[in-house]
PDB file of N, CA and C in Angstrom:
ATOM      1  N   UNK A   1      31.579 -13.876 -12.965  1.00  0.00           N
ATOM      2  CA  UNK A   1      30.891 -13.305 -11.998  1.00  0.00           C
ATOM      3  C   UNK A   1      29.979 -14.124 -10.767  1.00  0.00           C
ATOM      4  N   UNK A   2      30.114 -13.992  -9.654  1.00  0.00           N
ATOM      5  CA  UNK A   2      28.897 -15.305  -9.421  1.00  0.00           C
ATOM      6  C   UNK A   2      28.062 -14.934  -8.967  1.00  0.00           C
ATOM      7  N   UNK A   3      26.624 -16.058  -8.956  1.00  0.00           N
ATOM      8  CA  UNK A   3      25.874 -14.981  -8.890  1.00  0.00           C
ATOM      9  C   UNK A   3      25.252 -14.733  -7.210  1.00  0.00           C
ATOM     10  N   UNK A   4      24.209 -14.442  -7.350  1.00  0.00           N
ATOM     11  CA  UNK A   4      24.053 -13.679  -5.336  1.00  0.00           C
ATOM     12  C   UNK A   4      22.962 -15.411  -5.065  1.00  0.00           C
ATOM     13  N   UNK A   5      23.686 -15.869  -3.955  1.00  0.00           N
ATOM     14  CA  UNK A   5      23.670 -17.186  -2.895  1.00  0.00           C
ATOM     15  C   UNK A   5      21.916 -16.896  -3.429  1.00  0.00           C
ATOM     16  N   UNK A   6      21.007 -16.634  -3.091  1.00  0.00           N
ATOM     17  CA  UNK A   6      19.457 -16.370  -3.055  1.00  0.00           C
ATOM     18  C   UNK A   6      19.282 -17.110  -4.188  1.00  0.00           C
ATOM     19  N   UNK A   7      20.216 -16.904  -5.646  1.00  0.00           N
ATOM     20  CA  UNK A   7      18.960 -16.898  -6.853  1.00  0.00           C
ATOM     21  C   UNK A   7      19.862 -18.329  -6.792  1.00  0.00           C
ATOM     22  N   UNK A   8      20.117 -19.141  -6.540  1.00  0.00           N
ATOM     23  CA  UNK A   8      20.197 -21.204  -6.474  1.00  0.00           C
ATOM     24  C   UNK A   8      20.100 -21.482  -5.233  1.00  0.00           C
ATOM     25  N   UNK A   9      19.385 -21.011  -4.495  1.00  0.00           N
ATOM     26  CA  UNK A   9      17.872 -21.233  -3.336  1.00  0.00           C
ATOM     27  C   UNK A   9      17.033 -21.736  -4.316  1.00  0.00           C
ATOM     28  N   UNK A  10      16.762 -22.741  -3.391  1.00  0.00           N
ATOM     29  CA  UNK A  10      15.390 -23.523  -3.739  1.00  0.00           C
ATOM     30  C   UNK A  10      13.941 -22.158  -3.304  1.00  0.00           C
ATOM     31  N   UNK A  11      13.464 -22.625  -4.581  1.00  0.00           N
ATOM     32  CA  UNK A  11      12.234 -21.694  -4.086  1.00  0.00           C
ATOM     33  C   UNK A  11      11.519 -21.840  -2.717  1.00  0.00           C
ATOM     34  N   UNK A  12      11.381 -23.677  -2.796  1.00  0.00           N
ATOM     35  CA  UNK A  12      10.639 -24.026  -1.771  1.00  0.00           C
ATOM     36  C   UNK A  12      11.198 -24.586  -0.764  1.00  0.00           C
ATOM     37  N   UNK A  13      12.647 -23.635  -0.518  1.00  0.00           N
ATOM     38  CA  UNK A  13      13.553 -23.709   1.066  1.00  0.00           C
ATOM     39  C   UNK A  13      12.887 -21.787   1.332  1.00  0.00           C
ATOM     40  N   UNK A  14      12.561 -21.186   0.265  1.00  0.00           N
ATOM     41  CA  UNK A  14      12.249 -19.774   0.732  1.00  0.00           C
ATOM     42  C   UNK A  14      10.451 -19.844   1.434  1.00  0.00           C
ATOM     43  N   UNK A  15       9.902 -20.465   0.608  1.00  0.00           N
ATOM     44  CA  UNK A  15       8.494 -20.065   1.514  1.00  0.00           C
ATOM     45  C   UNK A  15       7.881 -20.562   2.853  1.00  0.00           C
ATOM     46  N   UNK A  16       8.392 -21.271   3.181  1.00  0.00           N
ATOM     47  CA  UNK A  16       7.828 -21.805   4.537  1.00  0.00           C
ATOM     48  C   UNK A  16       8.171 -20.400   5.055  1.00  0.00           C
ATOM     49  N   UNK A  17       9.391 -19.693   4.704  1.00  0.00           N
ATOM     50  CA  UNK A  17       9.647 -18.271   5.875  1.00  0.00           C
ATOM     51  C   UNK A  17       8.584 -17.928   5.468  1.00  0.00           C
ATOM     52  N   UNK A  18       8.038 -17.316   3.879  1.00  0.00           N
ATOM     53  CA  UNK A  18       7.119 -16.140   3.848  1.00  0.00           C
ATOM     54  C   UNK A  18       5.845 -16.826   4.793  1.00  0.00           C
ATOM     55  N   UNK A  19       5.654 -18.115   4.143  1.00  0.00           N
ATOM     56  CA  UNK A  19       4.417 -18.461   5.509  1.00  0.00           C
ATOM     57  C   UNK A  19       4.019 -18.176   7.063  1.00  0.00           C
ATOM     58  N   UNK A  20       5.200 -18.560   7.505  1.00  0.00           N
ATOM     59  CA  UNK A  20       5.827 -17.998   8.518  1.00  0.00           C
ATOM     60  C   UNK A  20       5.676 -16.594   8.967  1.00  0.00           C
ATOM     61  N   UNK A  21       5.779 -16.136   8.364  1.00  0.00           N
ATOM     62  CA  UNK A  21       5.998 -14.510   8.378  1.00  0.00           C
ATOM     63  C   UNK A  21       4.750 -14.048   8.392  1.00  0.00           C
ATOM     64  N   UNK A  22       3.808 -14.339   7.745  1.00  0.00           N
ATOM     65  CA  UNK A  22       2.097 -14.498   7.585  1.00  0.00           C
ATOM     66  C   UNK A  22       1.945 -14.788   8.638  1.00  0.00           C
ATOM     67  N   UNK A  23       1.912 -16.056   8.646  1.00  0.00           N
ATOM     68  CA  UNK A  23       1.269 -16.621  10.453  1.00  0.00           C
ATOM     69  C   UNK A  23       1.068 -15.883  11.414  1.00  0.00           C
ATOM     70  N   UNK A  24       2.420 -15.588  11.284  1.00  0.00           N
ATOM     71  CA  UNK A  24       2.502 -14.832  12.813  1.00  0.00           C
ATOM     72  C   UNK A  24       2.306 -13.510  13.191  1.00  0.00           C
ATOM     73  N   UNK A  25       1.522 -12.959  12.270  1.00  0.00           N
ATOM     74  CA  UNK A  25       0.541 -11.722  11.940  1.00  0.00           C
ATOM     75  C   UNK A  25      -0.372 -11.890  11.883  1.00  0.00           C
ATOM     76  N   UNK A  26      -0.930 -12.696  11.896  1.00  0.00           N
ATOM     77  CA  UNK A  26      -2.523 -13.143  12.030  1.00  0.00           C
ATOM     78  C   UNK A  26      -2.745 -13.791  10.222  1.00  0.00           C
ATOM     79  N   UNK A  27      -2.268 -13.386   9.142  1.00  0.00           N
ATOM     80  CA  UNK A  27      -2.719 -13.624   7.781  1.00  0.00           C
ATOM     81  C   UNK A  27      -2.158 -15.228   7.432  1.00  0.00           C
ATOM     82  N   UNK A  28      -2.960 -15.347   6.365  1.00  0.00           N
ATOM     83  CA  UNK A  28      -2.615 -17.357   5.928  1.00  0.00           C
ATOM     84  C   UNK A  28      -1.951 -17.408   4.733  1.00  0.00           C
ATOM     85  N   UNK A  29      -1.964 -18.380   4.481  1.00  0.00           N
ATOM     86  CA  UNK A  29      -1.127 -19.237   3.506  1.00  0.00           C
ATOM     87  C   UNK A  29      -1.468 -19.216   2.187  1.00  0.00           C
ATOM     88  N   UNK A  30      -3.158 -19.093   2.110  1.00  0.00           N
ATOM     89  CA  UNK A  30      -3.669 -18.878   0.496  1.00  0.00           C
ATOM     90  C   UNK A  30      -3.276 -17.118   0.203  1.00  0.00           C
ATOM     91  N   UNK A  31      -3.310 -16.484   1.428  1.00  0.00           N
ATOM     92  CA  UNK A  31      -3.138 -14.598   1.130  1.00  0.00           C
ATOM     93  C   UNK A  31      -1.711 -14.714   0.596  1.00  0.00           C
ATOM     94  N   UNK A  32      -0.840 -15.267   1.141  1.00  0.00           N
ATOM     95  CA  UNK A  32       0.849 -15.573   0.352  1.00  0.00           C
ATOM     96  C   UNK A  32       0.524 -16.085  -0.990  1.00  0.00           C
ATOM     97  N   UNK A  33       0.195 -17.233  -1.182  1.00  0.00           N
ATOM     98  CA  UNK A  33      -0.310 -17.535  -2.453  1.00  0.00           C
ATOM     99  C   UNK A  33      -1.165 -16.625  -3.313  1.00  0.00           C
ATOM    100  N   UNK A  34      -1.517 -15.578  -2.848  1.00  0.00           N
ATOM    101  CA  UNK A  34      -2.413 -14.967  -3.915  1.00  0.00           C
ATOM    102  C   UNK A  34      -1.505 -14.724  -4.227  1.00  0.00           C
ATOM    103  N   UNK A  35      -0.579 -13.635  -3.141  1.00  0.00           N
ATOM    104  CA  UNK A  35       0.156 -12.450  -3.568  1.00  0.00           C
ATOM    105  C   UNK A  35       1.800 -12.826  -4.462  1.00  0.00           C
ATOM    106  N   UNK A  36       1.933 -14.510  -4.313  1.00  0.00           N
ATOM    107  CA  UNK A  36       2.533 -14.773  -5.660  1.00  0.00           C
ATOM    108  C   UNK A  36       2.433 -15.227  -7.112  1.00  0.00           C
ATOM    109  N   UNK A  37       0.737 -15.541  -6.788  1.00  0.00           N
ATOM    110  CA  UNK A  37       0.505 -16.037  -8.356  1.00  0.00           C
ATOM    111  C   UNK A  37      -0.066 -14.865  -8.935  1.00  0.00           C
ATOM    112  N   UNK A  38      -0.222 -13.250  -7.930  1.00  0.00           N
ATOM    113  CA  UNK A  38      -0.453 -12.062  -8.838  1.00  0.00           C
ATOM    114  C   UNK A  38       0.999 -11.087  -9.251  1.00  0.00           C
ATOM    115  N   UNK A  39       1.658 -12.091  -8.462  1.00  0.00           N
ATOM    116  CA  UNK A  39       3.060 -11.243  -8.847  1.00  0.00           C
ATOM    117  C   UNK A  39       3.614 -12.094 -10.435  1.00  0.00           C
ATOM    118  N   UNK A  40       3.928 -13.317 -10.139  1.00  0.00           N
ATOM    119  CA  UNK A  40       4.483 -14.048 -11.323  1.00  0.00           C
ATOM    120  C   UNK A  40       3.448 -14.441 -12.539  1.00  0.00           C
ATOM    121  N   UNK A  41       1.909 -15.026 -12.098  1.00  0.00           N
ATOM    122  CA  UNK A  41       1.276 -14.979 -12.849  1.00  0.00           C
ATOM    123  C   UNK A  41       0.894 -16.983 -13.071  1.00  0.00           C
ATOM    124  N   UNK A  42       1.707 -17.277 -12.173  1.00  0.00           N
ATOM    125  CA  UNK A  42       1.170 -18.668 -11.711  1.00  0.00           C
ATOM    126  C   UNK A  42       0.208 -19.439 -11.672  1.00  0.00           C
ATOM    127  N   UNK A  43      -0.493 -20.399 -11.498  1.00  0.00           N
ATOM    128  CA  UNK A  43      -1.863 -20.589 -11.211  1.00  0.00           C
ATOM    129  C   UNK A  43      -1.328 -21.407  -9.601  1.00  0.00           C
ATOM    130  N   UNK A  44      -2.292 -21.641  -8.978  1.00  0.00           N
ATOM    131  CA  UNK A  44      -1.959 -21.974  -7.739  1.00  0.00           C
ATOM    132  C   UNK A  44      -1.487 -23.498  -8.412  1.00  0.00           C
ATOM    133  N   UNK A  45      -2.091 -24.705  -8.662  1.00  0.00           N
ATOM    134  CA  UNK A  45      -1.481 -25.721  -9.100  1.00  0.00           C
ATOM    135  C   UNK A  45       0.207 -25.800 -10.335  1.00  0.00           C
ATOM    136  N   UNK A  46       0.419 -24.313 -10.741  1.00  0.00           N
ATOM    137  CA  UNK A  46       1.600 -24.309 -11.600  1.00  0.00           C
ATOM    138  C   UNK A  46       2.845 -23.821 -10.142  1.00  0.00           C
ATOM    139  N   UNK A  47       2.168 -22.957  -9.365  1.00  0.00           N
ATOM    140  CA  UNK A  47       2.640 -22.741  -8.162  1.00  0.00           C
ATOM    141  C   UNK A  47       3.538 -24.035  -6.872  1.00  0.00           C
ATOM    142  N   UNK A  48       2.537 -24.927  -6.932  1.00  0.00           N
ATOM    143  CA  UNK A  48       2.539 -26.389  -6.433  1.00  0.00           C
ATOM    144  C   UNK A  48       3.685 -27.057  -7.178  1.00  0.00           C
ATOM    145  N   UNK A  49       3.178 -27.098  -8.290  1.00  0.00           N
ATOM    146  CA  UNK A  49       4.289 -27.942  -9.378  1.00  0.00           C
ATOM    147  C   UNK A  49       5.936 -27.131  -8.603  1.00  0.00           C
ATOM    148  N   UNK A  50       6.279 -25.933  -9.070  1.00  0.00           N
ATOM    149  CA  UNK A  50       7.313 -25.416  -9.003  1.00  0.00           C
ATOM    150  C   UNK A  50       7.513 -25.849  -7.747  1.00  0.00           C
ATOM    151  N   UNK A  51       7.281 -25.358  -6.023  1.00  0.00           N
ATOM    152  CA  UNK A  51       7.606 -25.740  -5.111  1.00  0.00           C
ATOM    153  C   UNK A  51       7.546 -27.210  -5.078  1.00  0.00           C
ATOM    154  N   UNK A  52       7.038 -28.421  -5.636  1.00  0.00           N
ATOM    155  CA  UNK A  52       7.832 -29.429  -5.733  1.00  0.00           C
ATOM    156  C   UNK A  52       8.364 -30.107  -6.424  1.00  0.00           C
ATOM    157  N   UNK A  53       8.904 -29.594  -7.379  1.00  0.00           N
ATOM    158  CA  UNK A  53      10.571 -29.508  -8.077  1.00  0.00           C
ATOM    159  C   UNK A  53      11.881 -29.056  -7.872  1.00  0.00           C
ATOM    160  N   UNK A  54      11.146 -28.115  -6.100  1.00  0.00           N
ATOM    161  CA  UNK A  54      12.232 -27.353  -5.999  1.00  0.00           C
ATOM    162  C   UNK A  54      13.021 -26.335  -7.073  1.00  0.00           C
ATOM    163  N   UNK A  55      12.357 -25.544  -7.838  1.00  0.00           N
ATOM    164  CA  UNK A  55      13.077 -25.162  -8.320  1.00  0.00           C
ATOM    165  C   UNK A  55      13.902 -23.895  -7.695  1.00  0.00           C
ATOM    166  N   UNK A  56      14.919 -23.779  -7.999  1.00  0.00           N
ATOM    167  CA  UNK A  56      15.554 -22.193  -7.741  1.00  0.00           C
ATOM    168  C   UNK A  56      14.789 -21.151  -8.116  1.00  0.00           C
ATOM    169  N   UNK A  57      15.440 -19.482  -7.696  1.00  0.00           N
ATOM    170  CA  UNK A  57      14.451 -18.686  -7.468  1.00  0.00           C
ATOM    171  C   UNK A  57      15.276 -18.039  -8.986  1.00  0.00           C
ATOM    172  N   UNK A  58      16.041 -18.343  -9.755  1.00  0.00           N
ATOM    173  CA  UNK A  58      16.527 -17.667 -10.910  1.00  0.00           C
ATOM    174  C   UNK A  58      15.805 -18.691 -11.237  1.00  0.00           C
ATOM    175  N   UNK A  59      14.798 -19.804 -11.287  1.00  0.00           N
ATOM    176  CA  UNK A  59      14.120 -20.275 -12.846  1.00  0.00           C
ATOM    177  C   UNK A  59      12.446 -20.236 -11.828  1.00  0.00           C
ATOM    178  N   UNK A  60      12.968 -20.240 -10.659  1.00  0.00           N
ATOM    179  CA  UNK A  60      11.108 -19.534 -10.325  1.00  0.00           C
ATOM    180  C   UNK A  60      11.161 -18.123 -11.282  1.00  0.00           C
ATOM    181  N   UNK A  61      11.295 -17.285 -10.915  1.00  0.00           N
ATOM    182  CA  UNK A  61      10.859 -16.298 -11.219  1.00  0.00           C
ATOM    183  C   UNK A  61      11.469 -16.097 -13.320  1.00  0.00           C
ATOM    184  N   UNK A  62      12.413 -16.869 -13.822  1.00  0.00           N
ATOM    185  CA  UNK A  62      12.741 -16.578 -15.315  1.00  0.00           C
ATOM    186  C   UNK A  62      11.365 -17.899 -15.990  1.00  0.00           C
ATOM    187  N   UNK A  63      11.124 -18.963 -15.226  1.00  0.00           N
ATOM    188  CA  UNK A  63      10.123 -18.923 -16.242  1.00  0.00           C
ATOM    189  C   UNK A  63       8.649 -18.931 -15.459  1.00  0.00           C
ATOM    190  N   UNK A  64       8.025 -17.979 -15.099  1.00  0.00           N
ATOM    191  CA  UNK A  64       6.898 -17.003 -14.216  1.00  0.00           C
ATOM    192  C   UNK A  64       6.505 -16.736 -15.694  1.00  0.00           C
ATOM    193  N   UNK A  65       5.010 -17.337 -15.633  1.00  0.00           N
ATOM    194  CA  UNK A  65       4.066 -16.863 -16.961  1.00  0.00           C
ATOM    195  C   UNK A  65       3.549 -16.100 -17.141  1.00  0.00           C
ATOM    196  N   UNK A  66       3.684 -14.630 -16.568  1.00  0.00           N
ATOM    197  CA  UNK A  66       3.259 -13.329 -16.682  1.00  0.00           C
ATOM    198  C   UNK A  66       3.890 -12.703 -15.590  1.00  0.00           C
ATOM    199  N   UNK A  67       4.771 -12.173 -15.530  1.00  0.00           N
ATOM    200  CA  UNK A  67       4.798 -11.082 -14.060  1.00  0.00           C
ATOM    201  C   UNK A  67       4.651  -9.943 -14.653  1.00  0.00           C
ATOM    202  N   UNK A  68       3.542  -9.558 -13.138  1.00  0.00           N
ATOM    203  CA  UNK A  68       2.436  -8.604 -13.353  1.00  0.00           C
ATOM    204  C   UNK A  68       3.335  -7.216 -13.719  1.00  0.00           C
ATOM    205  N   UNK A  69       2.749  -6.590 -14.725  1.00  0.00           N
ATOM    206  CA  UNK A  69       2.936  -5.618 -14.896  1.00  0.00           C
ATOM    207  C   UNK A  69       2.791  -4.383 -13.940  1.00  0.00           C
ATOM    208  N   UNK A  70       1.720  -4.696 -13.113  1.00  0.00           N
ATOM    209  CA  UNK A  70       2.147  -3.189 -12.124  1.00  0.00           C
ATOM    210  C   UNK A  70       2.541  -3.443 -11.011  1.00  0.00           C
ATOM    211  N   UNK A  71       3.586  -4.543 -11.219  1.00  0.00           N
ATOM    212  CA  UNK A  71       4.905  -4.570 -10.044  1.00  0.00           C
ATOM    213  C   UNK A  71       5.488  -3.738  -9.961  1.00  0.00           C
ATOM    214  N   UNK A  72       5.738  -2.988 -11.512  1.00  0.00           N
ATOM    215  CA  UNK A  72       6.988  -1.562 -11.460  1.00  0.00           C
ATOM    216  C   UNK A  72       5.950  -0.213 -10.179  1.00  0.00           C
ATOM    217  N   UNK A  73       4.545  -0.432  -9.511  1.00  0.00           N
ATOM    218  CA  UNK A  73       4.261   0.326  -8.955  1.00  0.00           C
ATOM    219  C   UNK A  73       5.189   0.262  -7.301  1.00  0.00           C
ATOM    220  N   UNK A  74       5.646  -0.680  -6.572  1.00  0.00           N
ATOM    221  CA  UNK A  74       5.831  -1.554  -5.695  1.00  0.00           C
ATOM    222  C   UNK A  74       7.093  -0.907  -5.532  1.00  0.00           C
ATOM    223  N   UNK A  75       6.735  -0.272  -4.277  1.00  0.00           N
ATOM    224  CA  UNK A  75       8.088   1.083  -3.640  1.00  0.00           C
ATOM    225  C   UNK A  75       8.753   0.659  -2.205  1.00  0.00           C
ATOM    226  N   UNK A  76       9.696   1.171  -2.322  1.00  0.00           N
ATOM    227  CA  UNK A  76       9.933   1.280  -0.665  1.00  0.00           C
ATOM    228  C   UNK A  76      11.090   0.652  -0.628  1.00  0.00           C
ATOM    229  N   UNK A  77      11.879   0.174   0.539  1.00  0.00           N
ATOM    230  CA  UNK A  77      12.828   0.029   1.389  1.00  0.00           C
ATOM    231  C   UNK A  77      12.215  -1.596   1.603  1.00  0.00           C
ATOM    232  N   UNK A  78      13.347  -2.528   1.664  1.00  0.00           N
ATOM    233  CA  UNK A  78      13.481  -3.930   2.233  1.00  0.00           C
ATOM    234  C   UNK A  78      14.604  -4.164   1.876  1.00  0.00           C
ATOM    235  N   UNK A  79      15.078  -4.970   3.683  1.00  0.00           N
ATOM    236  CA  UNK A  79      16.548  -5.024   3.870  1.00  0.00           C
ATOM    237  C   UNK A  79      17.861  -4.385   3.448  1.00  0.00           C
ATOM    238  N   UNK A  80      16.823  -3.227   4.395  1.00  0.00           N
ATOM    239  CA  UNK A  80      17.739  -1.540   3.798  1.00  0.00           C
ATOM    240  C   UNK A  80      18.193  -1.537   2.326  1.00  0.00           C
ATOM    241  N   UNK A  81      17.827  -2.071   1.363  1.00  0.00           N
ATOM    242  CA  UNK A  81      17.970  -1.432  -0.176  1.00  0.00           C
ATOM    243  C   UNK A  81      16.378  -0.852  -0.980  1.00  0.00           C
ATOM    244  N   UNK A  82      16.363   0.520  -1.450  1.00  0.00           N
ATOM    245  CA  UNK A  82      15.295   1.210  -1.822  1.00  0.00           C
ATOM    246  C   UNK A  82      15.327   0.009  -3.073  1.00  0.00           C
ATOM    247  N   UNK A  83      14.279  -0.253  -3.758  1.00  0.00           N
ATOM    248  CA  UNK A  83      13.498  -1.023  -4.964  1.00  0.00           C
ATOM    249  C   UNK A  83      14.235  -0.713  -5.825  1.00  0.00           C
ATOM    250  N   UNK A  84      13.301   0.881  -5.929  1.00  0.00           N
ATOM    251  CA  UNK A  84      13.811   1.400  -7.419  1.00  0.00           C
ATOM    252  C   UNK A  84      15.004   1.773  -7.658  1.00  0.00           C
ATOM    253  N   UNK A  85      15.593   1.673  -6.641  1.00  0.00           N
ATOM    254  CA  UNK A  85      16.875   1.536  -7.017  1.00  0.00           C
ATOM    255  C   UNK A  85      18.038  -0.288  -7.426  1.00  0.00           C
ATOM    256  N   UNK A  86      17.425  -1.222  -7.774  1.00  0.00           N
ATOM    257  CA  UNK A  86      18.087  -2.606  -7.069  1.00  0.00           C
ATOM    258  C   UNK A  86      17.825  -1.935  -9.218  1.00  0.00           C
ATOM    259  N   UNK A  87      19.387  -2.124  -9.559  1.00  0.00           N
ATOM    260  CA  UNK A  87      19.407  -2.374 -11.074  1.00  0.00           C
ATOM    261  C   UNK A  87      19.413  -3.904 -11.490  1.00  0.00           C
ATOM    262  N   UNK A  88      19.904  -4.998 -11.441  1.00  0.00           N
ATOM    263  CA  UNK A  88      19.675  -6.077 -10.941  1.00  0.00           C
ATOM    264  C   UNK A  88      18.134  -6.875 -11.615  1.00  0.00           C
ATOM    265  N   UNK A  89      18.165  -7.082 -12.782  1.00  0.00           N
ATOM    266  CA  UNK A  89      16.712  -7.275 -13.042  1.00  0.00           C
ATOM    267  C   UNK A  89      16.218  -8.483 -11.777  1.00  0.00           C
ATOM    268  N   UNK A  90      16.717  -9.744 -11.761  1.00  0.00           N
ATOM    269  CA  UNK A  90      16.379 -10.679 -11.124  1.00  0.00           C
ATOM    270  C   UNK A  90      15.643 -10.212  -9.240  1.00  0.00           C
ATOM    271  N   UNK A  91      16.852  -9.466  -8.700  1.00  0.00           N
ATOM    272  CA  UNK A  91      17.036  -8.960  -7.583  1.00  0.00           C
ATOM    273  C   UNK A  91      15.877  -8.202  -7.548  1.00  0.00           C
ATOM    274  N   UNK A  92      15.837  -7.639  -8.150  1.00  0.00           N
ATOM    275  CA  UNK A  92      14.574  -6.583  -8.466  1.00  0.00           C
ATOM    276  C   UNK A  92      13.360  -7.546  -8.019  1.00  0.00           C
ATOM    277  N   UNK A  93      13.076  -8.213  -8.564  1.00  0.00           N
ATOM    278  CA  UNK A  93      11.775  -9.408  -8.774  1.00  0.00           C
ATOM    279  C   UNK A  93      11.472 -10.352  -6.805  1.00  0.00           C
ATOM    280  N   UNK A  94      12.955 -10.478  -6.374  1.00  0.00           N
ATOM    281  CA  UNK A  94      13.217 -10.985  -5.481  1.00  0.00           C
ATOM    282  C   UNK A  94      12.389 -10.436  -4.633  1.00  0.00           C
ATOM    283  N   UNK A  95      13.335  -8.935  -4.352  1.00  0.00           N
ATOM    284  CA  UNK A  95      12.525  -8.010  -3.176  1.00  0.00           C
ATOM    285  C   UNK A  95      11.449  -7.371  -3.760  1.00  0.00           C
ATOM    286  N   UNK A  96      10.562  -7.340  -4.787  1.00  0.00           N
ATOM    287  CA  UNK A  96       9.533  -6.731  -5.202  1.00  0.00           C
ATOM    288  C   UNK A  96       7.912  -8.229  -4.087  1.00  0.00           C
ATOM    289  N   UNK A  97       8.523  -9.172  -3.949  1.00  0.00           N
ATOM    290  CA  UNK A  97       8.173 -10.245  -3.324  1.00  0.00           C
ATOM    291  C   UNK A  97       8.131 -10.256  -1.574  1.00  0.00           C
ATOM    292  N   UNK A  98       9.071  -9.877  -1.737  1.00  0.00           N
ATOM    293  CA  UNK A  98      10.088 -10.133   0.152  1.00  0.00           C
ATOM    294  C   UNK A  98       8.883  -8.514  -0.416  1.00  0.00           C
ATOM    295  N   UNK A  99       8.699  -7.473  -0.700  1.00  0.00           N
ATOM    296  CA  UNK A  99       8.168  -6.404  -0.078  1.00  0.00           C
ATOM    297  C   UNK A  99       6.611  -6.691   0.264  1.00  0.00           C
ATOM    298  N   UNK A 100       5.882  -7.423  -0.804  1.00  0.00           N
ATOM    299  CA  UNK A 100       4.822  -7.844  -0.318  1.00  0.00           C
ATOM    300  C   UNK A 100       4.382  -8.847   0.410  1.00  0.00           C
ATOM    301  N   UNK A 101       4.839  -9.201   0.791  1.00  0.00           N
ATOM    302  CA  UNK A 101       4.870 -10.590   1.927  1.00  0.00           C
ATOM    303  C   UNK A 101       5.530  -9.753   3.860  1.00  0.00           C
ATOM    304  N   UNK A 102       6.272  -8.391   2.968  1.00  0.00           N
ATOM    305  CA  UNK A 102       5.977  -7.509   4.178  1.00  0.00           C
ATOM    306  C   UNK A 102       5.275  -6.935   4.528  1.00  0.00           C
ATOM    307  N   UNK A 103       4.168  -6.543   3.620  1.00  0.00           N
ATOM    308  CA  UNK A 103       3.079  -5.230   3.720  1.00  0.00           C
ATOM    309  C   UNK A 103       2.282  -6.780   3.756  1.00  0.00           C
ATOM    310  N   UNK A 104       1.781  -7.500   3.977  1.00  0.00           N
ATOM    311  CA  UNK A 104       1.339  -8.613   4.639  1.00  0.00           C
ATOM    312  C   UNK A 104       1.292  -8.884   5.808  1.00  0.00           C
ATOM    313  N   UNK A 105       1.942  -9.222   6.178  1.00  0.00           N
ATOM    314  CA  UNK A 105       2.631  -8.846   7.403  1.00  0.00           C
ATOM    315  C   UNK A 105       2.160  -7.820   7.664  1.00  0.00           C
ATOM    316  N   UNK A 106       2.119  -6.577   7.299  1.00  0.00           N
ATOM    317  CA  UNK A 106       2.632  -5.667   8.606  1.00  0.00           C
ATOM    318  C   UNK A 106       0.804  -5.120   8.463  1.00  0.00           C
ATOM    319  N   UNK A 107      -0.099  -6.162   8.088  1.00  0.00           N
ATOM    320  CA  UNK A 107      -1.390  -5.821   8.053  1.00  0.00           C
ATOM    321  C   UNK A 107      -2.132  -5.036   7.323  1.00  0.00           C
ATOM    322  N   UNK A 108      -1.771  -4.711   5.881  1.00  0.00           N
ATOM    323  CA  UNK A 108      -1.820  -4.210   4.453  1.00  0.00           C
ATOM    324  C   UNK A 108      -3.165  -5.208   3.991  1.00  0.00           C
ATOM    325  N   UNK A 109      -3.963  -3.966   3.593  1.00  0.00           N
ATOM    326  CA  UNK A 109      -5.655  -5.000   3.048  1.00  0.00           C
ATOM    327  C   UNK A 109      -4.851  -5.806   1.500  1.00  0.00           C
ATOM    328  N   UNK A 110      -5.194  -6.896   0.930  1.00  0.00           N
ATOM    329  CA  UNK A 110      -4.851  -7.338   0.158  1.00  0.00           C
ATOM    330  C   UNK A 110      -5.369  -6.423  -1.114  1.00  0.00           C
ATOM    331  N   UNK A 111      -5.730  -5.732  -1.227  1.00  0.00           N
ATOM    332  CA  UNK A 111      -6.570  -5.150  -2.550  1.00  0.00           C
ATOM    333  C   UNK A 111      -5.398  -3.646  -2.673  1.00  0.00           C
ATOM    334  N   UNK A 112      -4.910  -3.304  -1.550  1.00  0.00           N
ATOM    335  CA  UNK A 112      -3.695  -2.629  -1.530  1.00  0.00           C
ATOM    336  C   UNK A 112      -2.773  -2.997  -2.159  1.00  0.00           C
ATOM    337  N   UNK A 113      -2.090  -4.112  -1.793  1.00  0.00           N
ATOM    338  CA  UNK A 113      -1.212  -5.095  -1.650  1.00  0.00           C
ATOM    339  C   UNK A 113      -0.810  -5.595  -2.677  1.00  0.00           C
ATOM    340  N   UNK A 114      -1.860  -6.031  -3.964  1.00  0.00           N
ATOM    341  CA  UNK A 114      -2.211  -6.068  -5.109  1.00  0.00           C
ATOM    342  C   UNK A 114      -2.633  -5.259  -6.051  1.00  0.00           C
ATOM    343  N   UNK A 115      -2.122  -3.751  -5.446  1.00  0.00           N
ATOM    344  CA  UNK A 115      -2.088  -2.817  -6.046  1.00  0.00           C
ATOM    345  C   UNK A 115      -3.015  -2.401  -7.252  1.00  0.00           C
ATOM    346  N   UNK A 116      -4.759  -3.031  -6.494  1.00  0.00           N
ATOM    347  CA  UNK A 116      -6.375  -2.702  -6.910  1.00  0.00           C
ATOM    348  C   UNK A 116      -6.225  -1.405  -7.118  1.00  0.00           C
ATOM    349  N   UNK A 117      -6.939  -0.682  -8.340  1.00  0.00           N
ATOM    350  CA  UNK A 117      -7.375   0.900  -8.220  1.00  0.00           C
ATOM    351  C   UNK A 117      -8.515   1.099  -7.163  1.00  0.00           C
TER     352      UNK A 117
END
């Protein structure tokens, strides 16, 4: 079985697209970084190191210090697929991040994006 193409892509290659999507809607790189760190447990410095190393998506998520336990409350459709129905654990992590960035670009408040009570 071959791996999905996104798994071998560099996180550093995808990251600028997250920033662009957010900035087009008046949001900031700092907010994108906050979302990524919330989801993965990376500190800002660790995130920057992963970007410098050009870590692929698979390793970016597998090396994440502490995937946020609240990420299971991320629901909805991304790229035409309902997140709750994704069976591949790594694809689910990738789509969680995509969904959070979508919510940011749609103007959702950070408290809601970060699933704060």
